[in-house]
Amino acid sequence: MLQAFKDLFDAFTEPGSESPEAHTRALRLATAVLLVEVMRADPTLNAAEREAVMARLHKKFALSDEEAARLFELAELTARGASDFYQFTSRINESFTHAQKIAIIENMWQIAYSDANLDANENQIISKIDGLLYVTQGDYIGAKMRATEAAGLAS
């Protein structure tokens, strides 16, 4: 476990010298941190949002329950210590396609809507990260509409 923390730390501090495995772990962590940040933005943390993050990590990265839980825990810890989103979004921008970045935004909306209540802080976080990922306004709105519909909140 300590080696995994060291590898992730090294991946963020020395991105050019990382192994392919460390690069993959760093991308997973960057994505997980963004998803956790939506959960953390809601002042009333609840089980629905935590479960939504876990489900997305499990599905997106084909992780076991234990691996998803460890990634979630590491993402929470990393999010608490982060001063901005740039270190995470820049890594994603270097490696993900536009479609993959739209999927992240849609996952963020799904987490925000998982408790059937969109908090203003959640909206602000997603909007900020959307800009840092260079997702177009049309794709941002489309992702939000799909998440709203999936949550059964569409009118």
C-alpha atoms as a PDB file:
ATOM      1  CA  MET A   1       0.000   0.000   0.000  1.00  0.00           C
ATOM      2  CA  LEU A   2       2.795   2.436   0.806  1.00  0.00           C
ATOM      3  CA  GLN A   3       4.391   1.703  -2.565  1.00  0.00           C
ATOM      4  CA  ALA A   4       1.109   2.600  -4.279  1.00  0.00           C
ATOM      5  CA  PHE A   5       1.038   5.953  -2.445  1.00  0.00           C
ATOM      6  CA  LYS A   6       4.667   6.567  -3.427  1.00  0.00           C
ATOM      7  CA  ASP A   7       3.979   5.697  -7.063  1.00  0.00           C
ATOM      8  CA  LEU A   8       0.983   8.031  -7.173  1.00  0.00           C
ATOM      9  CA  PHE A   9       2.926  10.826  -5.519  1.00  0.00           C
ATOM     10  CA  ASP A  10       5.788  10.326  -7.962  1.00  0.00           C
ATOM     11  CA  ALA A  11       3.382  10.303 -10.889  1.00  0.00           C
ATOM     12  CA  PHE A  12       2.067  13.732  -9.932  1.00  0.00           C
ATOM     13  CA  THR A  13       5.454  15.226  -9.142  1.00  0.00           C
ATOM     14  CA  GLU A  14       7.459  13.678 -12.001  1.00  0.00           C
ATOM     15  CA  PRO A  15       4.988  12.822 -14.783  1.00  0.00           C
ATOM     16  CA  GLY A  16       7.667  12.278 -17.453  1.00  0.00           C
ATOM     17  CA  SER A  17       9.430   9.484 -15.594  1.00  0.00           C
ATOM     18  CA  GLU A  18       6.482   7.290 -14.662  1.00  0.00           C
ATOM     19  CA  SER A  19       5.862   3.722 -15.724  1.00  0.00           C
ATOM     20  CA  PRO A  20       2.749   2.869 -17.745  1.00  0.00           C
ATOM     21  CA  GLU A  21       1.207   1.321 -14.616  1.00  0.00           C
ATOM     22  CA  ALA A  22       1.879   4.456 -12.577  1.00  0.00           C
ATOM     23  CA  HIS A  23       0.436   6.569 -15.402  1.00  0.00           C
ATOM     24  CA  THR A  24      -2.758   4.485 -15.388  1.00  0.00           C
ATOM     25  CA  ARG A  25      -3.037   4.716 -11.583  1.00  0.00           C
ATOM     26  CA  ALA A  26      -2.497   8.476 -11.715  1.00  0.00           C
ATOM     27  CA  LEU A  27      -5.252   8.880 -14.340  1.00  0.00           C
ATOM     28  CA  ARG A  28      -7.602   6.792 -12.221  1.00  0.00           C
ATOM     29  CA  LEU A  29      -6.789   8.882  -9.176  1.00  0.00           C
ATOM     30  CA  ALA A  30      -7.242  12.153 -11.079  1.00  0.00           C
ATOM     31  CA  THR A  31     -10.660  11.011 -12.295  1.00  0.00           C
ATOM     32  CA  ALA A  32     -11.637   9.729  -8.851  1.00  0.00           C
ATOM     33  CA  VAL A  33     -10.641  13.002  -7.198  1.00  0.00           C
ATOM     34  CA  LEU A  34     -12.912  14.958  -9.547  1.00  0.00           C
ATOM     35  CA  LEU A  35     -15.821  12.642  -8.789  1.00  0.00           C
ATOM     36  CA  VAL A  36     -15.162  12.833  -5.045  1.00  0.00           C
ATOM     37  CA  GLU A  37     -15.034  16.637  -5.247  1.00  0.00           C
ATOM     38  CA  VAL A  38     -18.644  16.703  -6.447  1.00  0.00           C
ATOM     39  CA  MET A  39     -19.634  14.568  -3.474  1.00  0.00           C
ATOM     40  CA  ARG A  40     -17.635  16.789  -1.105  1.00  0.00           C
ATOM     41  CA  ALA A  41     -19.220  19.953  -2.546  1.00  0.00           C
ATOM     42  CA  ASP A  42     -22.598  18.993  -1.133  1.00  0.00           C
ATOM     43  CA  PRO A  43     -22.731  20.228   2.472  1.00  0.00           C
ATOM     44  CA  THR A  44     -24.951  17.275   3.404  1.00  0.00           C
ATOM     45  CA  LEU A  45     -22.775  14.266   2.669  1.00  0.00           C
ATOM     46  CA  ASN A  46     -24.938  11.226   2.246  1.00  0.00           C
ATOM     47  CA  ALA A  47     -24.686   7.558   1.397  1.00  0.00           C
ATOM     48  CA  ALA A  48     -26.337   7.976  -2.015  1.00  0.00           C
ATOM     49  CA  GLU A  49     -23.539  10.195  -3.303  1.00  0.00           C
ATOM     50  CA  ARG A  50     -20.828   7.984  -1.839  1.00  0.00           C
ATOM     51  CA  GLU A  51     -22.424   4.936  -3.459  1.00  0.00           C
ATOM     52  CA  ALA A  52     -22.716   6.811  -6.761  1.00  0.00           C
ATOM     53  CA  VAL A  53     -18.989   7.611  -6.722  1.00  0.00           C
ATOM     54  CA  MET A  54     -18.123   4.016  -5.867  1.00  0.00           C
ATOM     55  CA  ALA A  55     -20.387   2.680  -8.630  1.00  0.00           C
ATOM     56  CA  ARG A  56     -18.798   4.947 -11.226  1.00  0.00           C
ATOM     57  CA  LEU A  57     -15.274   4.012 -10.162  1.00  0.00           C
ATOM     58  CA  HIS A  58     -16.176   0.341 -10.215  1.00  0.00           C
ATOM     59  CA  LYS A  59     -17.753   0.573 -13.682  1.00  0.00           C
ATOM     60  CA  LYS A  60     -15.364   3.019 -15.358  1.00  0.00           C
ATOM     61  CA  PHE A  61     -12.184   1.207 -14.347  1.00  0.00           C
ATOM     62  CA  ALA A  62     -13.526  -2.370 -14.012  1.00  0.00           C
ATOM     63  CA  LEU A  63     -12.349  -2.530 -10.398  1.00  0.00           C
ATOM     64  CA  SER A  64     -13.235  -5.017  -7.714  1.00  0.00           C
ATOM     65  CA  ASP A  65     -15.158  -3.686  -4.744  1.00  0.00           C
ATOM     66  CA  GLU A  66     -11.963  -3.644  -2.699  1.00  0.00           C
ATOM     67  CA  GLU A  67      -9.975  -1.809  -5.395  1.00  0.00           C
ATOM     68  CA  ALA A  68     -12.758   0.737  -5.862  1.00  0.00           C
ATOM     69  CA  ALA A  69     -12.897   1.315  -2.098  1.00  0.00           C
ATOM     70  CA  ARG A  70      -9.124   1.867  -1.940  1.00  0.00           C
ATOM     71  CA  LEU A  71      -9.238   4.268  -4.883  1.00  0.00           C
ATOM     72  CA  PHE A  72     -12.146   6.124  -3.279  1.00  0.00           C
ATOM     73  CA  GLU A  73     -10.276   6.404   0.010  1.00  0.00           C
ATOM     74  CA  LEU A  74      -7.131   7.657  -1.719  1.00  0.00           C
ATOM     75  CA  ALA A  75      -9.169  10.118  -3.792  1.00  0.00           C
ATOM     76  CA  GLU A  76     -10.815  11.524  -0.656  1.00  0.00           C
ATOM     77  CA  LEU A  77      -7.441  11.935   1.010  1.00  0.00           C
ATOM     78  CA  THR A  78      -5.935  13.528  -2.096  1.00  0.00           C
ATOM     79  CA  ALA A  79      -8.923  15.851  -2.565  1.00  0.00           C
ATOM     80  CA  ARG A  80      -8.617  17.134   0.997  1.00  0.00           C
ATOM     81  CA  GLY A  81      -4.981  18.061   0.400  1.00  0.00           C
ATOM     82  CA  ALA A  82      -5.402  19.561  -3.069  1.00  0.00           C
ATOM     83  CA  SER A  83      -5.304  23.309  -3.510  1.00  0.00           C
ATOM     84  CA  ASP A  84      -6.787  23.284  -7.013  1.00  0.00           C
ATOM     85  CA  PHE A  85      -8.051  21.019  -9.791  1.00  0.00           C
ATOM     86  CA  TYR A  86      -5.385  21.819 -12.368  1.00  0.00           C
ATOM     87  CA  GLN A  87      -3.031  18.998 -11.374  1.00  0.00           C
ATOM     88  CA  PHE A  88      -5.848  16.529 -12.041  1.00  0.00           C
ATOM     89  CA  THR A  89      -7.473  18.098 -15.090  1.00  0.00           C
ATOM     90  CA  SER A  90      -4.142  18.697 -16.840  1.00  0.00           C
ATOM     91  CA  ARG A  91      -3.283  15.002 -16.542  1.00  0.00           C
ATOM     92  CA  ILE A  92      -6.710  14.060 -17.904  1.00  0.00           C
ATOM     93  CA  ASN A  93      -6.380  16.567 -20.750  1.00  0.00           C
ATOM     94  CA  GLU A  94      -3.072  14.984 -21.769  1.00  0.00           C
ATOM     95  CA  SER A  95      -4.473  11.453 -21.986  1.00  0.00           C
ATOM     96  CA  PHE A  96      -8.253  11.416 -22.435  1.00  0.00           C
ATOM     97  CA  THR A  97     -10.254  11.982 -25.597  1.00  0.00           C
ATOM     98  CA  HIS A  98     -12.952  14.624 -25.739  1.00  0.00           C
ATOM     99  CA  ALA A  99     -15.591  11.872 -25.436  1.00  0.00           C
ATOM    100  CA  GLN A 100     -13.900  10.500 -22.308  1.00  0.00           C
ATOM    101  CA  LYS A 101     -13.880  13.956 -20.755  1.00  0.00           C
ATOM    102  CA  ILE A 102     -17.583  14.371 -21.537  1.00  0.00           C
ATOM    103  CA  ALA A 103     -18.171  11.026 -19.802  1.00  0.00           C
ATOM    104  CA  ILE A 104     -16.414  12.370 -16.692  1.00  0.00           C
ATOM    105  CA  ILE A 105     -18.678  15.432 -16.695  1.00  0.00           C
ATOM    106  CA  GLU A 106     -21.735  13.220 -17.104  1.00  0.00           C
ATOM    107  CA  ASN A 107     -20.559  11.027 -14.215  1.00  0.00           C
ATOM    108  CA  MET A 108     -20.136  14.152 -12.096  1.00  0.00           C
ATOM    109  CA  TRP A 109     -23.705  15.195 -12.865  1.00  0.00           C
ATOM    110  CA  GLN A 110     -24.940  11.699 -12.009  1.00  0.00           C
ATOM    111  CA  ILE A 111     -23.235  11.940  -8.631  1.00  0.00           C
ATOM    112  CA  ALA A 112     -24.715  15.379  -8.024  1.00  0.00           C
ATOM    113  CA  TYR A 113     -28.215  14.101  -8.860  1.00  0.00           C
ATOM    114  CA  SER A 114     -27.860  10.817  -6.945  1.00  0.00           C
ATOM    115  CA  ASP A 115     -29.550  12.328  -3.890  1.00  0.00           C
ATOM    116  CA  ALA A 116     -32.283  13.934  -6.080  1.00  0.00           C
ATOM    117  CA  ASN A 117     -31.027  17.380  -5.076  1.00  0.00           C
ATOM    118  CA  LEU A 118     -28.593  19.605  -6.955  1.00  0.00           C
ATOM    119  CA  ASP A 119     -26.690  21.809  -4.533  1.00  0.00           C
ATOM    120  CA  ALA A 120     -25.328  25.131  -5.838  1.00  0.00           C
ATOM    121  CA  ASN A 121     -21.811  24.083  -4.779  1.00  0.00           C
ATOM    122  CA  GLU A 122     -22.058  20.912  -6.855  1.00  0.00           C
ATOM    123  CA  ASN A 123     -23.171  22.934  -9.858  1.00  0.00           C
ATOM    124  CA  GLN A 124     -20.250  25.332  -9.389  1.00  0.00           C
ATOM    125  CA  ILE A 125     -17.640  22.544  -9.072  1.00  0.00           C
ATOM    126  CA  ILE A 126     -18.879  20.765 -12.192  1.00  0.00           C
ATOM    127  CA  SER A 127     -18.934  24.007 -14.157  1.00  0.00           C
ATOM    128  CA  LYS A 128     -15.395  24.859 -13.068  1.00  0.00           C
ATOM    129  CA  ILE A 129     -14.026  21.406 -13.909  1.00  0.00           C
ATOM    130  CA  ASP A 130     -15.896  21.448 -17.221  1.00  0.00           C
ATOM    131  CA  GLY A 131     -13.965  24.562 -18.197  1.00  0.00           C
ATOM    132  CA  LEU A 132     -10.646  23.051 -17.139  1.00  0.00           C
ATOM    133  CA  LEU A 133     -11.363  19.951 -19.251  1.00  0.00           C
ATOM    134  CA  TYR A 134     -12.236  22.107 -22.292  1.00  0.00           C
ATOM    135  CA  VAL A 135     -15.630  20.467 -22.741  1.00  0.00           C
ATOM    136  CA  THR A 136     -17.827  22.533 -25.033  1.00  0.00           C
ATOM    137  CA  GLN A 137     -20.954  24.200 -23.681  1.00  0.00           C
ATOM    138  CA  GLY A 138     -23.173  22.007 -25.846  1.00  0.00           C
ATOM    139  CA  ASP A 139     -21.522  18.823 -24.583  1.00  0.00           C
ATOM    140  CA  TYR A 140     -21.727  20.114 -21.003  1.00  0.00           C
ATOM    141  CA  ILE A 141     -25.465  20.734 -21.350  1.00  0.00           C
ATOM    142  CA  GLY A 142     -25.968  17.372 -23.066  1.00  0.00           C
ATOM    143  CA  ALA A 143     -24.166  15.576 -20.229  1.00  0.00           C
ATOM    144  CA  LYS A 144     -26.305  17.387 -17.673  1.00  0.00           C
ATOM    145  CA  MET A 145     -29.521  16.550 -19.526  1.00  0.00           C
ATOM    146  CA  ARG A 146     -28.608  12.851 -19.807  1.00  0.00           C
ATOM    147  CA  ALA A 147     -27.787  12.719 -16.087  1.00  0.00           C
ATOM    148  CA  THR A 148     -31.015  14.522 -15.200  1.00  0.00           C
ATOM    149  CA  GLU A 149     -32.996  12.058 -17.284  1.00  0.00           C
ATOM    150  CA  ALA A 150     -31.143   9.050 -15.829  1.00  0.00           C
ATOM    151  CA  ALA A 151     -31.939  10.298 -12.319  1.00  0.00           C
ATOM    152  CA  GLY A 152     -35.631  10.539 -13.232  1.00  0.00           C
ATOM    153  CA  LEU A 153     -35.625  14.280 -12.645  1.00  0.00           C
ATOM    154  CA  ALA A 154     -36.381  15.398 -16.226  1.00  0.00           C
ATOM    155  CA  SER A 155     -39.658  17.218 -16.562  1.00  0.00           C
END
